[in-house]
Amino acid sequence: MWGVLRIWYREHFSDPQVVILALLLIVVFTAIMLLGDLLAPLLVATVLAYLLEGTVQSMESYRIPRVLAVTFVFLIFLLFCLVIFFGLLPLLSQQVVALIRELPNMIVSAQSTLLQLPELYPTLVTAQQIQEIIAALRSAVAGMGQTILSLSLAHMVGFFTFLIYTILVPLLVFFALKDKKLLLEWFCRFMPERMELSSQVWSEVDQKIGNYVRGKFIEIIIVWGATFLTFAFMGLNYSLLLSFLVGISVIIPFVGAVAVTLPVALIAYFQWGFSAEFGYLLLFYQLIQILDGNILVPILFSEVVNLHPTAIIVAVLFFGGVWGVWGIFFAIPLATLVQAVINAWPAAIDHETSTTSADHAD
């Protein structure tokens, strides 16, 4: 047994650069696991800096000094945040409150519809089954009420956290953009001199993560805007809230689109019933999903990721379970990191083996 392990260790960890890469990955993942809550503002700022770096580099290509480019992009970013906080969030909160107030009427309407099912389909549905479904609905509504109450009790804590993020995150974003070169040089001072393998993996992943974050942001805006225009044109209630959920759902590949379809269909049903408007809405909504998956995503991410759908789903489940929302958002970049390490690992081992063989031959 020990002999097999010794042979496996020599085959996979004979190159010191492989050991360095493995240690770096272990340290980074352990730090995020143990200090994720404390490092959350830094992680948020890193994501936003990745998002803005592409625009800064584009301006630099026109020989604009980096300080001016960073200042301009940062001011646009602050203006965008102000529009979101003071223009969009109040509208979203109003629609959430209106939807919560409308929920009891929706439950009553759903109960009356369900009670008619045993008469229409006596061989498929029984009255007892309907009563159990209604009881489950009431329990779900009661649980939702308790959740809303707990959120209101934790409002002050959330308010102070919001203040911290409002102050710290923009500062971190600005300095991450302005002093990117200095920060990278400072960080490299603590790294070993020979780490070509780690640099190769980081160079590949760094480019892909930046492109992925920017592409995902563009996808959210486009899907959100197209869905809102469709819902608003058809006069669907809570168009802004539902379209926002549809836009955010693209963060979770495959699963997000399926999960957000249910509230869209329910709101449309309670508003129109099984009518032509209901059918047209679901048709247009499905058309948006098809265009997103078959046209928009290939355009935005054709050079970013090359992963099998099964690998993407496994990555979403694993990293989402480990790091929650951030794990879901970064599931694809993290899976790309794993793929880059797997691809580079055998290459490094083969290179070390061929070098050793050549030395012995000499």
Protein backbone atom coordinates (compact mmCIF):
# COMPACT_ATOMS: atom_id res chain seq x y z
CA MET A 1 0.00 0.00 0.00
CA TRP A 2 2.73 2.45 1.01
CA GLY A 3 4.70 1.50 -2.08
CA VAL A 4 1.78 2.39 -4.32
CA LEU A 5 1.36 5.74 -2.55
CA ARG A 6 5.09 6.43 -2.84
CA ILE A 7 5.01 5.75 -6.58
CA TRP A 8 1.90 7.95 -7.00
CA TYR A 9 3.58 10.77 -5.06
CA ARG A 10 6.72 10.60 -7.19
CA GLU A 11 4.70 10.62 -10.41
CA HIS A 12 2.54 13.61 -9.47
CA PHE A 13 4.70 15.70 -7.12
CA SER A 14 8.24 15.15 -8.38
CA ASP A 15 8.36 18.67 -9.85
CA PRO A 16 8.82 21.39 -7.17
CA GLN A 17 6.66 23.78 -9.21
CA VAL A 18 3.78 21.32 -8.95
CA VAL A 19 4.20 21.35 -5.17
CA ILE A 20 4.23 25.17 -5.17
CA LEU A 21 1.03 25.28 -7.23
CA ALA A 22 -0.67 22.76 -4.93
CA LEU A 23 0.34 24.69 -1.81
CA LEU A 24 -0.88 27.99 -3.28
CA LEU A 25 -4.27 26.46 -4.11
CA ILE A 26 -4.57 24.95 -0.64
CA VAL A 27 -3.68 28.24 1.08
CA VAL A 28 -6.09 30.31 -1.03
CA PHE A 29 -9.02 27.92 -0.66
CA THR A 30 -8.39 27.51 3.09
CA ALA A 31 -8.24 31.27 3.61
CA ILE A 32 -11.52 31.77 1.77
CA MET A 33 -13.15 28.92 3.69
CA LEU A 34 -12.06 30.20 7.11
CA LEU A 35 -12.08 33.97 6.50
CA GLY A 36 -14.77 34.26 3.84
CA ASP A 37 -17.00 36.54 5.91
CA LEU A 38 -14.15 38.87 6.83
CA LEU A 39 -12.82 38.94 3.27
CA ALA A 40 -16.25 39.49 1.70
CA PRO A 41 -15.71 43.25 1.00
CA LEU A 42 -12.36 42.43 -0.59
CA LEU A 43 -13.93 39.70 -2.74
CA VAL A 44 -16.71 42.06 -3.84
CA ALA A 45 -14.17 44.75 -4.69
CA THR A 46 -12.10 42.21 -6.65
CA VAL A 47 -15.13 41.22 -8.72
CA LEU A 48 -15.95 44.86 -9.46
CA ALA A 49 -12.32 45.63 -10.31
CA TYR A 50 -12.33 42.74 -12.77
CA LEU A 51 -15.51 44.13 -14.23
CA LEU A 52 -14.01 47.60 -14.76
CA GLU A 53 -10.47 46.59 -15.75
CA GLY A 54 -11.43 45.85 -19.34
CA THR A 55 -12.73 49.39 -19.87
CA VAL A 56 -9.61 50.86 -18.26
CA GLN A 57 -7.36 48.82 -20.55
CA SER A 58 -9.38 49.87 -23.58
CA MET A 59 -8.87 53.53 -22.68
CA GLU A 60 -5.16 52.91 -22.11
CA SER A 61 -4.91 51.50 -25.64
CA TYR A 62 -5.74 55.03 -26.85
CA ARG A 63 -2.72 56.35 -24.87
CA ILE A 64 -4.85 57.76 -22.06
CA PRO A 65 -2.89 57.74 -18.77
CA ARG A 66 -4.05 55.00 -16.43
CA VAL A 67 -4.81 57.45 -13.61
CA LEU A 68 -7.19 59.43 -15.84
CA ALA A 69 -8.75 56.24 -17.21
CA VAL A 70 -9.27 54.81 -13.73
CA THR A 71 -10.74 58.09 -12.46
CA PHE A 72 -13.19 58.35 -15.34
CA VAL A 73 -14.29 54.70 -15.13
CA PHE A 74 -14.59 54.91 -11.35
CA LEU A 75 -16.81 58.01 -11.52
CA ILE A 76 -19.07 56.29 -14.07
CA PHE A 77 -19.19 53.29 -11.73
CA LEU A 78 -20.22 55.50 -8.79
CA LEU A 79 -22.91 57.17 -10.90
CA PHE A 80 -24.23 53.74 -11.89
CA CYS A 81 -24.33 52.67 -8.23
CA LEU A 82 -26.24 55.82 -7.27
CA VAL A 83 -28.82 55.13 -9.99
CA ILE A 84 -29.20 51.56 -8.71
CA PHE A 85 -29.48 52.50 -5.02
CA PHE A 86 -31.71 55.54 -5.32
CA GLY A 87 -33.61 54.80 -8.52
CA LEU A 88 -33.97 51.06 -8.97
CA LEU A 89 -33.97 49.60 -5.45
CA PRO A 90 -36.93 51.72 -4.22
CA LEU A 91 -39.00 50.56 -7.21
CA LEU A 92 -38.06 46.94 -6.59
CA SER A 93 -38.91 47.21 -2.89
CA GLN A 94 -42.30 48.74 -3.72
CA GLN A 95 -43.13 45.83 -6.02
CA VAL A 96 -41.98 43.31 -3.41
CA VAL A 97 -44.26 44.90 -0.80
CA ALA A 98 -47.17 44.97 -3.26
CA LEU A 99 -46.60 41.30 -4.12
CA ILE A 100 -46.54 40.32 -0.43
CA ARG A 101 -49.83 42.16 0.13
CA GLU A 102 -51.34 40.39 -2.86
CA LEU A 103 -50.26 36.93 -1.75
CA PRO A 104 -53.35 36.20 0.42
CA ASN A 105 -55.66 36.93 -2.53
CA MET A 106 -53.54 34.69 -4.72
CA ILE A 107 -53.73 31.90 -2.15
CA VAL A 108 -57.52 32.21 -2.00
CA SER A 109 -57.74 32.10 -5.78
CA ALA A 110 -55.46 29.07 -5.88
CA GLN A 111 -57.58 27.28 -3.26
CA SER A 112 -60.78 27.83 -5.22
CA THR A 113 -59.10 26.53 -8.35
CA LEU A 114 -57.72 23.49 -6.58
CA LEU A 115 -61.08 22.64 -4.99
CA GLN A 116 -62.59 22.36 -8.47
CA LEU A 117 -60.08 19.74 -9.60
CA PRO A 118 -61.76 16.71 -7.91
CA GLU A 119 -65.00 17.54 -9.73
CA LEU A 120 -63.29 17.98 -13.08
CA TYR A 121 -60.84 15.06 -12.76
CA PRO A 122 -62.26 12.62 -10.17
CA THR A 123 -60.09 9.74 -11.35
CA LEU A 124 -56.84 11.71 -11.06
CA VAL A 125 -57.30 13.92 -8.00
CA THR A 126 -59.12 13.31 -4.73
CA ALA A 127 -60.51 15.85 -2.26
CA GLN A 128 -58.10 14.61 0.41
CA GLN A 129 -55.10 15.29 -1.82
CA ILE A 130 -56.35 18.81 -2.48
CA GLN A 131 -56.75 19.46 1.25
CA GLU A 132 -53.18 18.32 1.81
CA ILE A 133 -51.94 20.66 -0.92
CA ILE A 134 -53.89 23.58 0.59
CA ALA A 135 -52.44 22.82 4.03
CA ALA A 136 -48.96 22.81 2.53
CA LEU A 137 -49.65 26.18 0.89
CA ARG A 138 -50.80 27.67 4.19
CA SER A 139 -47.71 26.34 5.92
CA ALA A 140 -45.49 27.82 3.22
CA VAL A 141 -47.18 31.22 3.58
CA ALA A 142 -46.77 31.09 7.37
CA GLY A 143 -43.09 30.23 6.95
CA MET A 144 -42.70 33.12 4.53
CA GLY A 145 -44.22 35.47 7.10
CA GLN A 146 -41.75 34.30 9.75
CA THR A 147 -38.89 34.81 7.30
CA ILE A 148 -40.02 38.37 6.56
CA LEU A 149 -40.26 39.04 10.32
CA SER A 150 -36.77 37.72 10.93
CA LEU A 151 -35.47 39.87 8.09
CA SER A 152 -37.07 42.93 9.64
CA LEU A 153 -35.53 42.13 13.04
CA ALA A 154 -32.11 41.83 11.41
CA HIS A 155 -32.62 45.09 9.54
CA MET A 156 -30.28 47.13 11.73
CA VAL A 157 -27.43 44.63 11.36
CA GLY A 158 -27.94 44.62 7.62
CA PHE A 159 -27.98 48.43 7.63
CA PHE A 160 -24.56 48.66 9.31
CA THR A 161 -23.18 46.01 6.95
CA PHE A 162 -24.53 48.04 4.05
CA LEU A 163 -22.74 51.14 5.36
CA ILE A 164 -19.47 49.22 5.62
CA TYR A 165 -19.79 47.95 2.07
CA THR A 166 -20.78 51.41 0.82
CA ILE A 167 -17.58 52.95 2.21
CA LEU A 168 -14.99 50.18 1.93
CA VAL A 169 -15.86 48.54 -1.38
CA PRO A 170 -15.60 51.68 -3.58
CA LEU A 171 -12.28 52.56 -1.95
CA LEU A 172 -10.94 49.06 -2.53
CA VAL A 173 -12.13 49.11 -6.14
CA PHE A 174 -10.45 52.46 -6.83
CA PHE A 175 -7.09 51.45 -5.35
CA ALA A 176 -7.22 48.00 -6.95
CA LEU A 177 -7.58 49.68 -10.34
CA LYS A 178 -5.18 52.56 -9.71
CA ASP A 179 -2.37 50.55 -8.07
CA LYS A 180 -2.88 47.21 -9.79
CA LYS A 181 0.76 46.93 -10.86
CA LEU A 182 2.10 47.90 -7.42
CA LEU A 183 -0.21 45.46 -5.65
CA LEU A 184 0.82 42.59 -7.94
CA GLU A 185 4.50 43.40 -7.46
CA TRP A 186 4.05 43.49 -3.69
CA PHE A 187 2.24 40.16 -3.73
CA CYS A 188 4.91 38.55 -5.92
CA ARG A 189 7.57 39.47 -3.34
CA PHE A 190 6.21 36.70 -1.10
CA MET A 191 6.16 34.10 -3.86
CA PRO A 192 8.99 31.68 -4.75
CA GLU A 193 11.35 32.71 -7.54
CA ARG A 194 10.58 29.72 -9.77
CA MET A 195 6.85 29.39 -10.26
CA GLU A 196 6.43 29.19 -14.03
CA LEU A 197 3.68 26.59 -13.71
CA SER A 198 1.68 28.73 -11.28
CA SER A 199 2.17 31.77 -13.51
CA GLN A 200 0.96 29.79 -16.52
CA VAL A 201 -2.19 28.65 -14.72
CA TRP A 202 -2.84 32.12 -13.29
CA SER A 203 -2.36 33.83 -16.65
CA GLU A 204 -4.97 31.57 -18.26
CA VAL A 205 -7.44 31.77 -15.39
CA ASP A 206 -6.95 35.52 -14.86
CA GLN A 207 -7.97 36.33 -18.44
CA LYS A 208 -10.91 33.94 -18.40
CA ILE A 209 -12.26 35.15 -15.06
CA GLY A 210 -12.09 38.79 -16.16
CA ASN A 211 -13.86 38.03 -19.43
CA TYR A 212 -16.40 35.87 -17.65
CA VAL A 213 -17.32 38.53 -15.07
CA ARG A 214 -17.69 41.23 -17.72
CA GLY A 215 -19.60 38.91 -20.04
CA LYS A 216 -21.94 37.80 -17.26
CA PHE A 217 -22.67 41.42 -16.33
CA ILE A 218 -23.51 42.22 -19.97
CA GLU A 219 -25.71 39.12 -20.18
CA ILE A 220 -27.64 40.13 -17.03
CA ILE A 221 -28.30 43.63 -18.38
CA ILE A 222 -29.42 42.39 -21.82
CA VAL A 223 -31.67 39.61 -20.51
CA TRP A 224 -33.11 41.89 -17.82
CA GLY A 225 -33.83 44.68 -20.30
CA ALA A 226 -35.37 42.41 -22.94
CA THR A 227 -37.55 40.66 -20.36
CA PHE A 228 -38.69 43.93 -18.79
CA LEU A 229 -39.68 45.41 -22.16
CA THR A 230 -41.63 42.24 -23.00
CA PHE A 231 -43.40 42.05 -19.64
CA ALA A 232 -44.16 45.78 -19.55
CA PHE A 233 -45.47 45.75 -23.13
CA MET A 234 -47.87 42.93 -22.26
CA GLY A 235 -48.92 44.68 -19.04
CA LEU A 236 -47.77 41.94 -16.65
CA ASN A 237 -47.95 42.89 -12.98
CA TYR A 238 -44.63 43.28 -11.15
CA SER A 239 -42.77 43.50 -14.48
CA LEU A 240 -39.70 45.15 -12.99
CA LEU A 241 -39.37 42.64 -10.14
CA LEU A 242 -39.94 39.58 -12.31
CA SER A 243 -37.60 40.79 -15.07
CA PHE A 244 -34.96 41.49 -12.42
CA LEU A 245 -35.27 37.90 -11.19
CA VAL A 246 -34.97 36.64 -14.77
CA GLY A 247 -31.82 38.71 -15.30
CA ILE A 248 -30.22 37.54 -12.06
CA SER A 249 -31.15 33.92 -12.85
CA VAL A 250 -28.50 33.75 -15.59
CA ILE A 251 -25.89 33.65 -12.83
CA ILE A 252 -26.94 30.04 -12.13
CA PRO A 253 -26.51 28.07 -15.38
CA PHE A 254 -29.46 25.87 -16.38
CA VAL A 255 -31.02 25.81 -12.90
CA GLY A 256 -31.71 29.56 -12.67
CA ALA A 257 -33.88 29.73 -15.77
CA VAL A 258 -36.00 26.80 -14.58
CA ALA A 259 -36.40 28.18 -11.05
CA VAL A 260 -37.54 31.66 -12.12
CA THR A 261 -40.05 30.30 -14.63
CA LEU A 262 -42.43 29.24 -11.84
CA PRO A 263 -43.04 32.72 -10.33
CA VAL A 264 -43.38 34.23 -13.81
CA ALA A 265 -45.98 31.62 -14.80
CA LEU A 266 -47.87 31.94 -11.49
CA ILE A 267 -48.11 35.73 -11.63
CA ALA A 268 -49.29 35.55 -15.25
CA TYR A 269 -51.86 32.88 -14.39
CA PHE A 270 -53.30 34.81 -11.44
CA GLN A 271 -53.56 37.90 -13.63
CA TRP A 272 -54.98 36.38 -16.84
CA GLY A 273 -55.81 32.74 -16.15
CA PHE A 274 -55.44 30.25 -19.01
CA SER A 275 -55.98 32.90 -21.69
CA ALA A 276 -54.26 33.98 -24.88
CA GLU A 277 -52.23 36.57 -22.97
CA PHE A 278 -50.93 33.84 -20.66
CA GLY A 279 -49.84 31.72 -23.62
CA TYR A 280 -48.22 34.62 -25.47
CA LEU A 281 -46.30 35.68 -22.36
CA LEU A 282 -44.86 32.20 -21.81
CA LEU A 283 -44.05 31.99 -25.53
CA PHE A 284 -42.14 35.28 -25.54
CA TYR A 285 -40.43 34.39 -22.27
CA GLN A 286 -39.31 31.06 -23.68
CA LEU A 287 -38.09 32.82 -26.83
CA ILE A 288 -35.89 35.10 -24.69
CA GLN A 289 -34.43 32.07 -22.92
CA ILE A 290 -33.70 30.34 -26.23
CA LEU A 291 -32.02 33.44 -27.71
CA ASP A 292 -29.98 33.85 -24.54
CA GLY A 293 -28.78 30.26 -24.47
CA ASN A 294 -28.16 29.79 -28.19
CA ILE A 295 -27.02 33.22 -29.41
CA LEU A 296 -26.04 35.57 -26.56
CA VAL A 297 -24.10 33.09 -24.41
CA PRO A 298 -21.99 31.70 -27.32
CA ILE A 299 -21.13 35.26 -28.40
CA LEU A 300 -20.13 36.42 -24.92
CA PHE A 301 -18.45 33.27 -23.61
CA SER A 302 -17.20 31.41 -26.68
CA GLU A 303 -13.55 32.02 -25.71
CA VAL A 304 -14.03 32.06 -21.95
CA VAL A 305 -15.03 28.55 -20.99
CA ASN A 306 -14.94 25.19 -22.69
CA LEU A 307 -16.69 22.98 -20.18
CA HIS A 308 -19.19 20.17 -20.56
CA PRO A 309 -22.68 20.98 -19.19
CA THR A 310 -22.30 18.16 -16.65
CA ALA A 311 -19.10 19.74 -15.34
CA ILE A 312 -20.86 23.11 -15.05
CA ILE A 313 -23.77 21.63 -13.07
CA VAL A 314 -21.40 19.76 -10.75
CA ALA A 315 -19.39 22.97 -10.24
CA VAL A 316 -22.55 24.94 -9.38
CA LEU A 317 -23.66 22.31 -6.87
CA PHE A 318 -20.23 21.93 -5.25
CA PHE A 319 -19.04 25.53 -5.04
CA GLY A 320 -22.56 26.78 -4.28
CA GLY A 321 -22.73 24.38 -1.35
CA VAL A 322 -19.31 25.53 -0.11
CA TRP A 323 -19.53 29.32 -0.64
CA GLY A 324 -23.21 30.04 -1.20
CA VAL A 325 -24.11 32.80 -3.65
CA TRP A 326 -20.50 33.69 -4.39
CA GLY A 327 -19.74 30.03 -5.08
CA ILE A 328 -22.62 29.90 -7.54
CA PHE A 329 -21.48 33.09 -9.29
CA PHE A 330 -17.89 31.89 -9.57
CA ALA A 331 -18.73 28.23 -10.24
CA ILE A 332 -17.69 28.42 -13.89
CA PRO A 333 -14.44 30.40 -13.29
CA LEU A 334 -13.52 28.02 -10.47
CA ALA A 335 -14.27 25.04 -12.70
CA THR A 336 -12.06 26.69 -15.33
CA LEU A 337 -9.32 26.98 -12.69
CA VAL A 338 -9.62 23.27 -11.94
CA GLN A 339 -9.51 22.51 -15.67
CA ALA A 340 -6.40 24.69 -16.15
CA VAL A 341 -4.64 22.95 -13.25
CA ILE A 342 -5.53 19.50 -14.60
CA ASN A 343 -4.29 20.45 -18.07
CA ALA A 344 -1.06 21.98 -16.79
CA TRP A 345 -0.26 19.27 -14.24
CA PRO A 346 0.54 16.39 -16.63
CA ALA A 347 2.42 18.78 -18.91
CA ALA A 348 4.64 19.87 -16.03
CA ILE A 349 5.27 16.27 -14.98
CA ASP A 350 6.07 15.20 -18.55
CA HIS A 351 8.42 18.16 -18.94
CA GLU A 352 10.21 17.30 -15.69
CA THR A 353 10.47 13.64 -16.73
CA SER A 354 11.89 14.49 -20.15
CA THR A 355 14.38 16.93 -18.59
CA THR A 356 15.55 14.31 -16.11
CA SER A 357 15.91 11.71 -18.86
CA ALA A 358 17.97 14.12 -20.96
CA ASP A 359 20.26 14.88 -18.00
CA HIS A 360 20.83 11.16 -17.44
CA ALA A 361 21.53 10.66 -21.13
CA ASP A 362 24.18 13.39 -21.05
